[in-house]
Amino acid sequence: MALPVFSARSSLVVVVLILSVYLLSAKSHFTVFGRKAVEHNVSINLDRAVFTVNEKFLSVAIDSSILRHHWSPYVNFTSEKLYTLAKGLSPAFLRVGGTSEDFLIYDDSKDFQTFQNFSNFTISHADLDKIHLLSSKADWDVMFGLNVFLRGKDGSWNASNAKEIMQYVADHGYRFGWELGNEPNLFKKFNKSISPEELTADFTTLREILKSNPGFGNFLVGPDVTRILNHSKSGIYLESLFLLLEPDLFWRFGRSISSEELAEDFHTLRAILEGSPQFGNYLVGPDMATVTSEKTGSFLRSFFTHAKDVIDAVTWHQYYVNGRTCSEKDFYNPEVLDYFLHEVSEANSILDGIKSGFSRWLGETSSAYGGGASGLSDRYVAGFMWLDKLGLAARLKHEVVVRQTFVKGSYSLLDDDLDPNPDYWLSLLHKRLVGEKVLDVSGQTEEKRKVRVYAHCSSSQYPLGSVTLLALNVLLDTPVVLKLNGELKGKDVDVYLLTPENGDLLTKTVKLNGKVLKLVDDRTLPDLAPKSVPGDEPLNLPPLTFGFYVIPKASASACG
């Protein structure tokens, strides 16, 4: 076979084509930090916001088990440091709830007693005073979880003890909203059973109480279901319930409350609130433990159908992994990070099928369930899950995300000495830099992304029209150069890059633009100064790091 013969002209064409292909392939690669970097295009719709989160979007929780043990040793109410760190996360909701709330009984006539887990225990007015003390100093609003296991002979929710709590709160002018029950889809663990319909009735009762007693407050959320996609019983309960604290997990205590029963409970609670305006009038729920299984989805659907008119927001819970079995790599594995994408998409599908646009919260969430993962949930590496969740939750139209927990547990924002864990600093920066309006970033809800970017209008710390990016790079060894497209091209950027000390993902020491973050003293938070990067210089994001990028002169129409 004869070989082809090339003329000088054709040879030149071949050389030019080869060179062009090389240049095109090399265009997306740079050298950053001594390593070959990849370019990541960032395209944002600046003309309109796709969603607006609550001003208290990033909120916090204190588990009600702390009240079981009389706050010790987790909260020191004489600590100035505690209040300084809490105030840094204002404005926020403080959710006081969890498994123990369904064993909590208010009784001022008894001395405080400590009981083993999953048995009844008492609190007094002193506990309510302490909750108010912390929340008022921090400028937080309380969401207090009420015991749904207190039931009459006919099986309906007995609201008398809840009314005592509400009356005390109202008499003292405290700012409380209300939840009812925890993870109702798992009540069987406690030998209890409350259907979505029953829980709906409970919520209706509570709403009526709030209406008739304005001082009790008027904000009600639920049902606080958990694990929407895990083939337990959460999804059914969530739609049917809207407020209770993880009613889908009541089976752990040998209890079962149907979605219908729970909905009835919520109607009862709403009736109490509406009949007593001084009690407040804010009711959320049902705090489903998960919404990913067919049965759990059905529960949620049933509850929401019956209770959507008596709650102010629907709540469910989400964790990525088991704290006892997870690994370091799970915290930045894109497939694990996508668990939340799948779960929130399922929850949205259920809720939108009944009433689109209804307020929805992540009523309890963190990295790993079971108290967190020791040596992981309290380290720098946990920030990948936390920042990605904050970005995705806002983009997928969740108004509030309640972080489990502020204190106690490996996943807490403060350690046992009330010093900040790494996620505290991330949360503080989010509060300082991120505004309420959410912007659309191309490709931000695709699966298996190794470079994840979200965008909001900036907080009031920056001029109107400013844009804040939340960005994380989960590539193991490859730096990223963020390339701003469209109207953002060539704009100056304020960079807030969070990195681990000595590159150790398991460190508790976090640096902001190379400077270690720590309190100046017990009354003073550190200066969170950006690194200003001119528009003609690259925006670098090292491997396995995350941060915030603010474009002060973005002139975004959506942010005007």
Protein backbone atom coordinates (compact mmCIF):
# COMPACT_ATOMS: atom_id res chain seq x y z
CA MET A 1 0.00 0.00 0.00
CA ALA A 2 1.45 3.39 -1.04
CA LEU A 3 2.07 5.96 1.65
CA PRO A 4 0.29 9.31 1.28
CA VAL A 5 2.32 12.16 -0.16
CA PHE A 6 2.02 15.58 1.57
CA SER A 7 2.78 18.88 -0.06
CA ALA A 8 4.52 21.64 1.88
CA ARG A 9 1.20 23.47 2.15
CA SER A 10 -0.68 20.43 3.48
CA SER A 11 2.10 19.77 5.99
CA LEU A 12 1.76 23.32 7.26
CA VAL A 13 -1.98 22.83 7.69
CA VAL A 14 -1.38 19.66 9.72
CA VAL A 15 1.12 21.45 11.97
CA VAL A 16 -1.32 24.33 12.53
CA LEU A 17 -4.16 21.92 13.36
CA ILE A 18 -2.01 19.99 15.83
CA LEU A 19 -0.84 23.22 17.48
CA SER A 20 -4.44 24.50 17.68
CA VAL A 21 -5.65 21.30 19.34
CA TYR A 22 -2.80 21.51 21.84
CA LEU A 23 -3.53 25.12 22.70
CA LEU A 24 -7.24 24.42 23.12
CA SER A 25 -6.58 21.53 25.47
CA ALA A 26 -4.02 23.52 27.43
CA LYS A 27 -6.30 26.54 27.77
CA SER A 28 -8.03 25.06 30.83
CA HIS A 29 -4.82 24.28 32.69
CA PHE A 30 -2.59 26.52 34.77
CA THR A 31 0.12 26.10 37.34
CA VAL A 32 -1.00 27.05 40.84
CA PHE A 33 0.79 26.26 44.10
CA GLY A 34 3.36 24.36 42.01
CA ARG A 35 0.69 22.02 40.61
CA LYS A 36 -1.22 21.87 37.36
CA ALA A 37 -4.60 23.52 37.95
CA VAL A 38 -7.89 23.14 36.12
CA GLU A 39 -10.15 26.01 35.18
CA HIS A 40 -13.74 25.95 36.37
CA ASN A 41 -16.21 28.21 34.61
CA VAL A 42 -18.66 30.03 36.87
CA SER A 43 -21.76 31.33 35.12
CA ILE A 44 -24.41 33.05 37.27
CA ASN A 45 -27.78 34.51 36.37
CA LEU A 46 -27.53 37.99 37.88
CA ASP A 47 -30.91 39.20 36.66
CA ARG A 48 -33.19 37.47 39.14
CA ALA A 49 -33.08 35.52 42.37
CA VAL A 50 -34.41 31.97 42.26
CA PHE A 51 -35.31 31.89 45.98
CA THR A 52 -35.14 33.92 49.17
CA VAL A 53 -34.12 32.22 52.42
CA ASN A 54 -35.14 33.28 55.91
CA GLU A 55 -32.86 35.83 57.58
CA LYS A 56 -32.31 33.08 60.16
CA PHE A 57 -31.37 30.60 57.41
CA LEU A 58 -28.39 29.23 59.33
CA SER A 59 -29.81 28.29 62.72
CA VAL A 60 -28.66 26.06 65.57
CA ALA A 61 -29.97 23.39 67.93
CA ILE A 62 -29.47 22.34 71.50
CA ASP A 63 -30.53 18.76 72.08
CA SER A 64 -33.19 18.36 74.76
CA SER A 65 -31.10 15.58 76.31
CA ILE A 66 -29.05 18.40 77.86
CA LEU A 67 -32.10 19.34 79.93
CA ARG A 68 -32.33 15.72 81.06
CA HIS A 69 -28.91 16.20 82.65
CA HIS A 70 -29.57 19.69 83.98
CA TRP A 71 -27.31 21.35 81.37
CA SER A 72 -24.12 19.99 82.97
CA PRO A 73 -21.37 19.87 81.82
CA TYR A 74 -22.22 21.27 78.40
CA VAL A 75 -23.42 24.82 79.05
CA ASN A 76 -21.84 27.30 81.45
CA PHE A 77 -24.29 30.17 81.76
CA THR A 78 -21.65 32.39 83.40
CA SER A 79 -19.32 32.14 80.39
CA GLU A 80 -18.86 35.38 78.44
CA LYS A 81 -17.23 33.32 75.71
CA LEU A 82 -20.44 31.32 75.25
CA TYR A 83 -22.50 34.44 74.64
CA THR A 84 -19.88 36.02 72.37
CA LEU A 85 -19.82 32.98 70.12
CA ALA A 86 -23.61 32.64 70.17
CA LYS A 87 -24.15 36.30 69.31
CA GLY A 88 -21.83 35.86 66.32
CA LEU A 89 -24.41 33.57 64.71
CA SER A 90 -27.33 35.98 65.11
CA PRO A 91 -29.98 36.16 63.79
CA ALA A 92 -30.98 32.53 64.20
CA PHE A 93 -33.53 30.14 65.57
CA LEU A 94 -32.48 28.07 68.58
CA ARG A 95 -34.21 24.72 68.32
CA VAL A 96 -34.49 22.93 71.67
CA GLY A 97 -35.62 19.42 70.81
CA GLY A 98 -34.66 15.89 69.88
CA THR A 99 -35.45 12.39 71.07
CA SER A 100 -35.65 13.41 74.73
CA GLU A 101 -38.38 15.98 74.10
CA ASP A 102 -40.94 13.18 73.92
CA PHE A 103 -40.05 12.23 77.51
CA LEU A 104 -39.91 15.79 78.85
CA ILE A 105 -42.50 16.83 81.45
CA TYR A 106 -42.78 20.30 82.92
CA ASP A 107 -43.31 20.15 86.67
CA ASP A 108 -42.37 22.99 89.00
CA SER A 109 -43.46 21.03 92.07
CA LYS A 110 -40.67 18.45 91.85
CA ASP A 111 -36.96 18.71 92.46
CA PHE A 112 -34.87 18.11 89.39
CA GLN A 113 -34.07 14.46 88.74
CA THR A 114 -31.75 12.81 86.21
CA PHE A 115 -33.15 9.76 84.45
CA GLN A 116 -31.75 7.23 82.05
CA ASN A 117 -32.39 7.72 78.35
CA PHE A 118 -35.85 7.02 76.96
CA SER A 119 -37.66 7.49 80.27
CA ASN A 120 -39.65 10.48 81.46
CA PHE A 121 -37.84 13.33 83.18
CA THR A 122 -38.92 16.70 84.51
CA ILE A 123 -37.88 20.27 83.84
CA SER A 124 -38.87 23.39 85.75
CA HIS A 125 -39.25 27.09 85.07
CA ALA A 126 -35.53 27.45 85.78
CA ASP A 127 -34.77 25.53 82.59
CA LEU A 128 -37.06 27.78 80.57
CA ASP A 129 -35.35 30.79 82.14
CA LYS A 130 -31.95 29.49 81.04
CA ILE A 131 -33.14 28.89 77.50
CA HIS A 132 -34.40 32.47 77.44
CA LEU A 133 -31.16 33.78 78.95
CA LEU A 134 -29.05 32.21 76.21
CA SER A 135 -31.42 33.10 73.39
CA SER A 136 -31.90 36.70 74.50
CA LYS A 137 -28.16 37.35 74.87
CA ALA A 138 -27.57 35.81 71.45
CA ASP A 139 -30.63 37.49 69.88
CA TRP A 140 -32.04 34.11 68.86
CA ASP A 141 -35.69 33.02 68.65
CA VAL A 142 -36.51 29.72 70.35
CA MET A 143 -38.28 26.76 68.74
CA PHE A 144 -39.22 24.47 71.64
CA GLY A 145 -40.11 20.81 71.12
CA LEU A 146 -43.17 19.57 73.04
CA ASN A 147 -43.84 16.01 74.21
CA VAL A 148 -46.27 14.22 71.87
CA PHE A 149 -46.26 10.98 73.92
CA LEU A 150 -48.54 12.57 76.54
CA ARG A 151 -51.89 11.18 75.41
CA GLY A 152 -55.37 10.74 76.82
CA LYS A 153 -57.35 7.52 77.19
CA ASP A 154 -58.91 8.10 73.78
CA GLY A 155 -55.44 8.28 72.21
CA SER A 156 -55.57 12.02 71.51
CA TRP A 157 -52.75 14.32 72.51
CA ASN A 158 -53.01 15.65 76.09
CA ALA A 159 -51.99 19.30 75.76
CA SER A 160 -52.28 20.25 79.43
CA ASN A 161 -48.55 20.02 80.17
CA ALA A 162 -47.70 21.93 77.01
CA LYS A 163 -50.08 24.69 78.11
CA GLU A 164 -48.20 25.02 81.40
CA ILE A 165 -44.96 25.59 79.51
CA MET A 166 -46.64 28.06 77.17
CA GLN A 167 -48.27 29.93 80.02
CA TYR A 168 -44.96 30.41 81.82
CA VAL A 169 -43.27 31.54 78.61
CA ALA A 170 -46.12 33.96 77.86
CA ASP A 171 -46.21 35.37 81.40
CA HIS A 172 -42.53 36.25 81.13
CA GLY A 173 -42.59 37.62 77.60
CA TYR A 174 -40.19 35.05 76.17
CA ARG A 175 -39.95 34.55 72.38
CA PHE A 176 -40.80 30.90 71.73
CA GLY A 177 -42.17 29.04 68.72
CA TRP A 178 -43.24 25.41 68.87
CA GLU A 179 -42.58 21.92 67.56
CA LEU A 180 -44.43 18.76 68.57
CA GLY A 181 -42.70 15.37 68.73
CA ASN A 182 -39.43 14.16 67.20
CA GLU A 183 -39.02 11.82 64.20
CA PRO A 184 -42.55 10.37 64.25
CA ASN A 185 -41.66 7.85 61.56
CA LEU A 186 -39.47 6.05 64.12
CA PHE A 187 -41.83 6.03 67.13
CA LYS A 188 -42.01 2.24 67.10
CA LYS A 189 -38.54 2.16 68.63
CA PHE A 190 -40.29 3.34 71.80
CA ASN A 191 -43.31 1.03 71.44
CA LYS A 192 -45.38 4.02 70.34
CA SER A 193 -47.52 4.51 67.26
CA ILE A 194 -49.03 7.79 66.03
CA SER A 195 -50.41 7.93 62.51
CA PRO A 196 -49.93 10.96 60.24
CA GLU A 197 -53.63 11.69 60.62
CA GLU A 198 -53.44 11.54 64.41
CA LEU A 199 -50.39 13.76 64.40
CA THR A 200 -52.21 16.19 62.14
CA ALA A 201 -54.99 16.37 64.72
CA ASP A 202 -52.39 17.03 67.41
CA PHE A 203 -50.95 19.89 65.40
CA THR A 204 -54.44 21.27 64.81
CA THR A 205 -55.05 21.27 68.54
CA LEU A 206 -51.79 23.08 69.11
CA ARG A 207 -52.61 25.64 66.43
CA GLU A 208 -55.99 26.33 68.07
CA ILE A 209 -54.25 26.82 71.42
CA LEU A 210 -51.90 29.35 69.83
CA LYS A 211 -54.76 31.20 68.15
CA SER A 212 -56.69 31.55 71.38
CA ASN A 213 -53.61 32.59 73.36
CA PRO A 214 -51.60 35.18 71.36
CA GLY A 215 -48.98 35.43 74.07
CA PHE A 216 -48.05 31.79 73.54
CA GLY A 217 -46.58 32.63 70.14
CA ASN A 218 -47.97 31.71 66.74
CA PHE A 219 -45.21 29.82 64.95
CA LEU A 220 -45.55 26.05 64.46
CA VAL A 221 -43.33 23.75 62.40
CA GLY A 222 -43.02 19.99 61.80
CA PRO A 223 -43.10 17.00 61.39
CA ASP A 224 -39.31 16.56 61.77
CA VAL A 225 -39.03 13.29 59.91
CA THR A 226 -35.65 11.75 59.18
CA ARG A 227 -33.91 9.74 56.44
CA ILE A 228 -36.30 10.35 53.58
CA LEU A 229 -34.54 7.91 51.24
CA ASN A 230 -33.54 5.07 53.54
CA HIS A 231 -36.45 2.61 53.29
CA SER A 232 -37.58 3.17 56.86
CA LYS A 233 -40.99 4.72 57.51
CA SER A 234 -40.20 8.39 57.15
CA GLY A 235 -41.67 9.54 53.87
CA ILE A 236 -45.20 8.49 54.65
CA TYR A 237 -45.06 10.28 57.93
CA LEU A 238 -43.60 13.48 56.59
CA GLU A 239 -46.40 14.32 54.20
CA SER A 240 -48.95 13.32 56.73
CA LEU A 241 -47.37 15.12 59.62
CA PHE A 242 -45.54 18.43 59.21
CA LEU A 243 -44.39 19.16 62.78
CA LEU A 244 -43.61 16.37 65.20
CA LEU A 245 -40.05 15.68 66.16
CA GLU A 246 -38.98 12.69 64.10
CA PRO A 247 -42.32 10.86 64.50
CA ASP A 248 -41.06 8.36 61.93
CA LEU A 249 -38.64 7.06 64.57
CA PHE A 250 -41.17 6.56 67.37
CA TRP A 251 -40.95 2.80 66.83
CA ARG A 252 -37.56 2.89 68.57
CA PHE A 253 -39.48 3.47 71.78
CA GLY A 254 -42.22 0.97 71.09
CA ARG A 255 -44.60 3.78 70.15
CA SER A 256 -46.58 4.26 66.96
CA ILE A 257 -48.53 7.37 66.02
CA SER A 258 -50.10 7.39 62.58
CA SER A 259 -49.80 10.35 60.24
CA GLU A 260 -53.51 10.99 60.73
CA GLU A 261 -53.20 10.93 64.53
CA LEU A 262 -50.19 13.21 64.42
CA ALA A 263 -51.97 15.63 62.11
CA GLU A 264 -54.85 15.69 64.60
CA ASP A 265 -52.35 16.45 67.38
CA PHE A 266 -51.06 19.39 65.39
CA HIS A 267 -54.58 20.68 64.88
CA THR A 268 -55.03 20.47 68.66
CA LEU A 269 -51.84 22.41 69.26
CA ARG A 270 -52.76 25.04 66.69
CA ALA A 271 -56.15 25.46 68.36
CA ILE A 272 -54.44 26.08 71.70
CA LEU A 273 -52.12 28.68 70.19
CA GLU A 274 -54.89 30.50 68.35
CA GLY A 275 -57.06 30.51 71.44
CA SER A 276 -54.26 31.97 73.56
CA PRO A 277 -52.42 34.65 71.55
CA GLN A 278 -50.04 35.24 74.43
CA PHE A 279 -48.61 31.75 73.86
CA GLY A 280 -47.24 32.74 70.47
CA ASN A 281 -48.46 31.42 67.15
CA TYR A 282 -45.50 29.85 65.31
CA LEU A 283 -45.73 26.09 64.76
CA VAL A 284 -43.45 23.85 62.70
CA GLY A 285 -43.17 20.10 62.11
CA PRO A 286 -43.32 17.14 61.89
CA ASP A 287 -39.52 16.68 62.22
CA MET A 288 -39.45 13.52 60.13
CA ALA A 289 -36.28 11.49 60.56
CA THR A 290 -36.09 10.66 56.85
CA VAL A 291 -38.19 11.00 53.72
CA THR A 292 -36.48 8.63 51.32
CA SER A 293 -38.45 5.42 51.67
CA GLU A 294 -41.83 4.63 50.19
CA LYS A 295 -43.47 4.23 53.61
CA THR A 296 -41.88 7.32 55.04
CA GLY A 297 -42.79 9.31 51.96
CA SER A 298 -46.36 8.12 52.30
CA PHE A 299 -46.43 9.18 55.94
CA LEU A 300 -45.17 12.64 55.09
CA ARG A 301 -47.62 12.94 52.24
CA SER A 302 -50.52 11.96 54.47
CA PHE A 303 -49.51 14.28 57.28
CA PHE A 304 -48.95 17.26 55.03
CA THR A 305 -52.27 16.70 53.32
CA HIS A 306 -54.04 16.90 56.66
CA ALA A 307 -51.85 19.44 58.48
CA LYS A 308 -50.67 21.95 55.87
CA ASP A 309 -53.16 24.54 57.09
CA VAL A 310 -52.07 24.49 60.74
CA ILE A 311 -48.26 24.60 60.57
CA ASP A 312 -46.01 27.46 59.49
CA ALA A 313 -43.24 25.27 58.07
CA VAL A 314 -42.64 21.59 57.36
CA THR A 315 -39.51 20.08 58.91
CA TRP A 316 -37.43 17.00 58.23
CA HIS A 317 -33.99 15.78 59.28
CA GLN A 318 -30.92 14.75 57.29
CA TYR A 319 -27.55 13.19 58.01
CA TYR A 320 -25.09 11.77 55.50
CA VAL A 321 -23.44 8.90 57.36
CA ASN A 322 -23.32 6.80 60.53
CA GLY A 323 -20.93 8.44 62.98
CA ARG A 324 -19.62 5.07 64.17
CA THR A 325 -18.74 3.60 60.77
CA CYS A 326 -17.86 6.50 58.44
CA SER A 327 -14.38 7.37 57.17
CA GLU A 328 -12.50 10.59 56.49
CA LYS A 329 -12.98 10.19 52.73
CA ASP A 330 -16.76 10.10 53.14
CA PHE A 331 -16.69 13.76 54.10
CA TYR A 332 -15.47 14.91 50.68
CA ASN A 333 -16.66 12.05 48.48
CA PRO A 334 -18.94 13.62 45.81
CA GLU A 335 -21.23 10.58 45.86
CA VAL A 336 -21.74 10.92 49.62
CA LEU A 337 -22.30 14.66 49.27
CA ASP A 338 -24.97 13.85 46.69
CA TYR A 339 -26.98 11.95 49.34
CA PHE A 340 -28.41 15.28 50.42
CA LEU A 341 -29.18 16.27 46.83
CA HIS A 342 -31.22 13.08 46.40
CA GLU A 343 -33.04 13.43 49.72
CA VAL A 344 -33.96 17.08 49.36
CA SER A 345 -35.16 16.43 45.82
CA GLU A 346 -37.41 13.64 47.12
CA ALA A 347 -38.77 15.84 49.91
CA ASN A 348 -39.47 18.66 47.47
CA SER A 349 -41.26 16.28 45.13
CA ILE A 350 -43.54 15.08 47.93
CA LEU A 351 -44.32 18.54 49.24
CA ASP A 352 -44.74 20.25 45.87
CA GLY A 353 -47.22 17.55 44.89
CA ILE A 354 -49.52 18.78 47.65
CA LYS A 355 -48.80 22.49 48.03
CA SER A 356 -45.93 24.06 46.13
CA GLY A 357 -44.11 26.97 47.69
CA PHE A 358 -44.85 25.92 51.26
CA SER A 359 -42.12 26.86 53.73
CA ARG A 360 -39.74 23.96 54.36
CA TRP A 361 -36.92 23.59 56.85
CA LEU A 362 -34.11 21.20 57.56
CA GLY A 363 -35.20 21.04 61.18
CA GLU A 364 -32.15 19.09 62.34
CA THR A 365 -29.04 18.26 60.34
CA SER A 366 -25.32 17.62 60.51
CA SER A 367 -22.67 15.35 59.05
CA ALA A 368 -23.09 12.04 60.89
CA TYR A 369 -25.92 10.75 63.03
CA GLY A 370 -25.32 9.21 66.44
CA GLY A 371 -23.73 12.33 67.92
CA GLY A 372 -21.36 12.83 65.01
CA ALA A 373 -18.13 11.07 64.12
CA SER A 374 -15.42 11.47 66.74
CA GLY A 375 -12.29 13.03 65.27
CA LEU A 376 -14.10 13.85 62.01
CA SER A 377 -17.28 15.86 62.60
CA ASP A 378 -15.34 18.32 64.76
CA ARG A 379 -12.45 18.77 62.31
CA TYR A 380 -11.75 20.82 59.20
CA VAL A 381 -12.83 17.96 56.93
CA ALA A 382 -16.45 18.29 58.13
CA GLY A 383 -16.69 21.65 56.41
CA PHE A 384 -17.15 20.07 52.99
CA MET A 385 -20.47 18.56 54.04
CA TRP A 386 -21.59 21.67 55.91
CA LEU A 387 -20.81 24.22 53.19
CA ASP A 388 -22.23 22.04 50.42
CA LYS A 389 -25.42 21.49 52.43
CA LEU A 390 -25.85 25.21 53.04
CA GLY A 391 -25.42 25.93 49.34
CA LEU A 392 -27.71 23.15 48.11
CA ALA A 393 -30.42 23.69 50.72
CA ALA A 394 -30.78 27.34 49.74
CA ARG A 395 -30.76 26.57 46.02
CA LEU A 396 -33.36 23.84 46.51
CA LYS A 397 -35.68 26.22 48.33
CA HIS A 398 -35.28 25.43 52.01
CA GLU A 399 -35.79 28.55 54.11
CA VAL A 400 -34.01 27.41 57.28
CA VAL A 401 -31.23 24.92 58.10
CA VAL A 402 -30.91 23.99 61.79
CA ARG A 403 -27.42 22.79 62.67
CA GLN A 404 -27.20 19.92 65.16
CA THR A 405 -25.75 21.08 67.55
CA PHE A 406 -24.45 24.27 69.13
CA VAL A 407 -22.99 22.34 72.07
CA LYS A 408 -22.63 18.63 72.95
CA GLY A 409 -21.51 15.89 70.61
CA SER A 410 -18.75 15.45 68.06
CA TYR A 411 -20.80 17.45 65.55
CA SER A 412 -21.22 20.48 67.81
CA LEU A 413 -20.09 23.95 66.75
CA LEU A 414 -18.42 24.45 70.14
CA ASP A 415 -16.29 21.86 71.92
CA ASP A 416 -16.59 20.82 75.56
CA ASP A 417 -14.51 23.84 76.62
CA LEU A 418 -16.84 26.12 74.64
CA ASP A 419 -14.11 26.80 72.09
CA PRO A 420 -15.06 26.96 68.39
CA ASN A 421 -14.79 23.84 66.26
CA PRO A 422 -13.92 24.41 62.57
CA ASP A 423 -17.55 24.47 61.43
CA TYR A 424 -18.18 27.41 63.75
CA TRP A 425 -15.81 29.60 61.74
CA LEU A 426 -17.40 28.49 58.48
CA SER A 427 -20.83 29.33 59.95
CA LEU A 428 -19.62 32.72 61.17
CA LEU A 429 -18.33 33.63 57.71
CA HIS A 430 -21.61 32.50 56.17
CA LYS A 431 -23.49 34.80 58.54
CA ARG A 432 -21.19 37.72 57.70
CA LEU A 433 -21.04 37.33 53.92
CA VAL A 434 -24.13 35.54 52.59
CA GLY A 435 -27.42 37.33 51.98
CA GLU A 436 -30.96 36.02 51.68
CA LYS A 437 -31.42 36.06 47.89
CA VAL A 438 -30.26 32.90 46.11
CA LEU A 439 -28.83 33.03 42.58
CA ASP A 440 -28.68 30.31 39.96
CA VAL A 441 -25.26 28.93 39.03
CA SER A 442 -25.00 26.77 35.92
CA GLY A 443 -24.64 23.07 36.76
CA GLN A 444 -24.92 23.52 40.51
CA THR A 445 -27.38 20.66 41.00
CA GLU A 446 -25.58 18.12 38.81
CA GLU A 447 -24.36 14.91 40.44
CA LYS A 448 -20.76 13.89 41.21
CA ARG A 449 -19.40 17.44 41.01
CA LYS A 450 -15.85 17.77 42.30
CA VAL A 451 -15.91 21.55 42.14
CA ARG A 452 -19.09 22.88 43.77
CA VAL A 453 -20.10 26.53 43.53
CA TYR A 454 -23.22 28.29 44.86
CA ALA A 455 -24.15 31.96 44.80
CA HIS A 456 -26.18 34.44 46.83
CA CYS A 457 -26.56 38.16 46.90
CA SER A 458 -24.10 39.37 49.50
CA SER A 459 -25.04 40.34 53.04
CA SER A 460 -25.56 43.97 54.05
CA GLN A 461 -21.85 44.09 54.94
CA TYR A 462 -21.31 44.73 51.22
CA PRO A 463 -22.92 47.29 48.84
CA LEU A 464 -26.16 46.50 47.02
CA GLY A 465 -25.50 44.50 43.88
CA SER A 466 -22.66 42.48 45.42
CA VAL A 467 -22.51 38.71 44.94
CA THR A 468 -21.06 36.04 47.26
CA LEU A 469 -19.87 32.64 46.03
CA LEU A 470 -19.66 29.54 48.22
CA ALA A 471 -17.06 27.23 46.68
CA LEU A 472 -15.47 23.90 47.55
CA ASN A 473 -12.88 21.82 45.72
CA VAL A 474 -12.97 18.09 46.52
CA LEU A 475 -10.30 17.17 43.95
CA LEU A 476 -7.60 15.31 45.85
CA ASP A 477 -4.49 16.87 44.31
CA THR A 478 -5.63 19.39 41.73
CA PRO A 479 -5.97 23.13 42.35
CA VAL A 480 -8.82 24.96 40.67
CA VAL A 481 -8.92 28.39 39.06
CA LEU A 482 -12.43 29.85 39.20
CA LYS A 483 -13.20 31.69 35.96
CA LEU A 484 -15.98 34.24 36.33
CA ASN A 485 -18.00 34.60 33.15
CA GLY A 486 -20.37 37.20 31.76
CA GLU A 487 -20.72 40.49 33.60
CA LEU A 488 -18.50 39.23 36.44
CA LYS A 489 -15.48 38.77 34.18
CA GLY A 490 -12.59 41.00 35.22
CA LYS A 491 -14.21 42.13 38.48
CA ASP A 492 -12.17 42.48 41.65
CA VAL A 493 -12.89 39.83 44.28
CA ASP A 494 -12.62 39.64 48.07
CA VAL A 495 -11.41 36.14 48.92
CA TYR A 496 -12.12 34.38 52.23
CA LEU A 497 -10.24 31.10 51.86
CA LEU A 498 -10.49 28.62 54.74
CA THR A 499 -7.60 26.16 54.91
CA PRO A 500 -6.48 23.53 57.45
CA GLU A 501 -3.30 24.09 59.42
CA ASN A 502 -0.37 22.26 57.80
CA GLY A 503 -2.73 20.84 55.18
CA ASP A 504 -4.11 18.37 57.74
CA LEU A 505 -7.81 17.74 57.09
CA LEU A 506 -8.15 16.35 60.62
CA THR A 507 -6.91 19.49 62.34
CA LYS A 508 -9.12 21.61 64.56
CA THR A 509 -7.12 24.71 63.62
CA VAL A 510 -8.48 26.69 60.69
CA LYS A 511 -6.80 29.52 58.82
CA LEU A 512 -8.51 32.39 57.03
CA ASN A 513 -6.27 33.53 54.18
CA GLY A 514 -3.31 32.03 56.02
CA LYS A 515 -4.09 33.46 59.47
CA VAL A 516 -5.23 31.19 62.32
CA LEU A 517 -8.77 31.93 63.48
CA LYS A 518 -9.21 32.30 67.22
CA LEU A 519 -10.98 34.56 69.68
CA VAL A 520 -9.15 37.76 70.58
CA ASP A 521 -10.57 37.33 74.09
CA ASP A 522 -13.78 36.00 75.60
CA ARG A 523 -15.68 39.08 74.47
CA THR A 524 -14.14 39.65 71.04
CA LEU A 525 -14.37 37.73 67.78
CA PRO A 526 -11.41 37.98 65.39
CA ASP A 527 -11.31 40.32 62.41
CA LEU A 528 -12.43 38.39 59.33
CA ALA A 529 -10.38 40.23 56.74
CA PRO A 530 -10.48 39.25 53.06
CA LYS A 531 -7.67 39.02 50.57
CA SER A 532 -8.41 41.39 47.71
CA VAL A 533 -7.70 39.88 44.29
CA PRO A 534 -7.66 42.20 41.24
CA GLY A 535 -9.86 41.20 38.33
CA ASP A 536 -6.90 40.36 36.11
CA GLU A 537 -5.50 37.79 38.56
CA PRO A 538 -6.70 34.16 38.92
CA LEU A 539 -9.11 33.08 41.65
CA ASN A 540 -7.39 30.08 43.17
CA LEU A 541 -9.06 27.27 45.11
CA PRO A 542 -6.51 24.68 46.33
CA PRO A 543 -7.33 20.96 46.42
CA LEU A 544 -9.50 19.83 49.32
CA THR A 545 -10.32 23.33 50.51
CA PHE A 546 -13.30 25.66 50.55
CA GLY A 547 -14.13 29.31 50.97
CA PHE A 548 -16.18 32.36 50.05
CA TYR A 549 -15.59 34.78 47.17
CA VAL A 550 -17.30 38.18 47.20
CA ILE A 551 -17.61 40.37 44.10
CA PRO A 552 -18.41 43.82 45.55
CA LYS A 553 -18.93 45.49 42.17
CA ALA A 554 -20.96 42.72 40.55
CA SER A 555 -23.84 45.16 39.93
CA ALA A 556 -26.27 42.23 39.96
CA SER A 557 -29.81 43.36 39.14
CA ALA A 558 -31.18 40.64 41.44
CA CYS A 559 -29.23 42.11 44.34
CA GLY A 560 -30.13 45.77 43.91
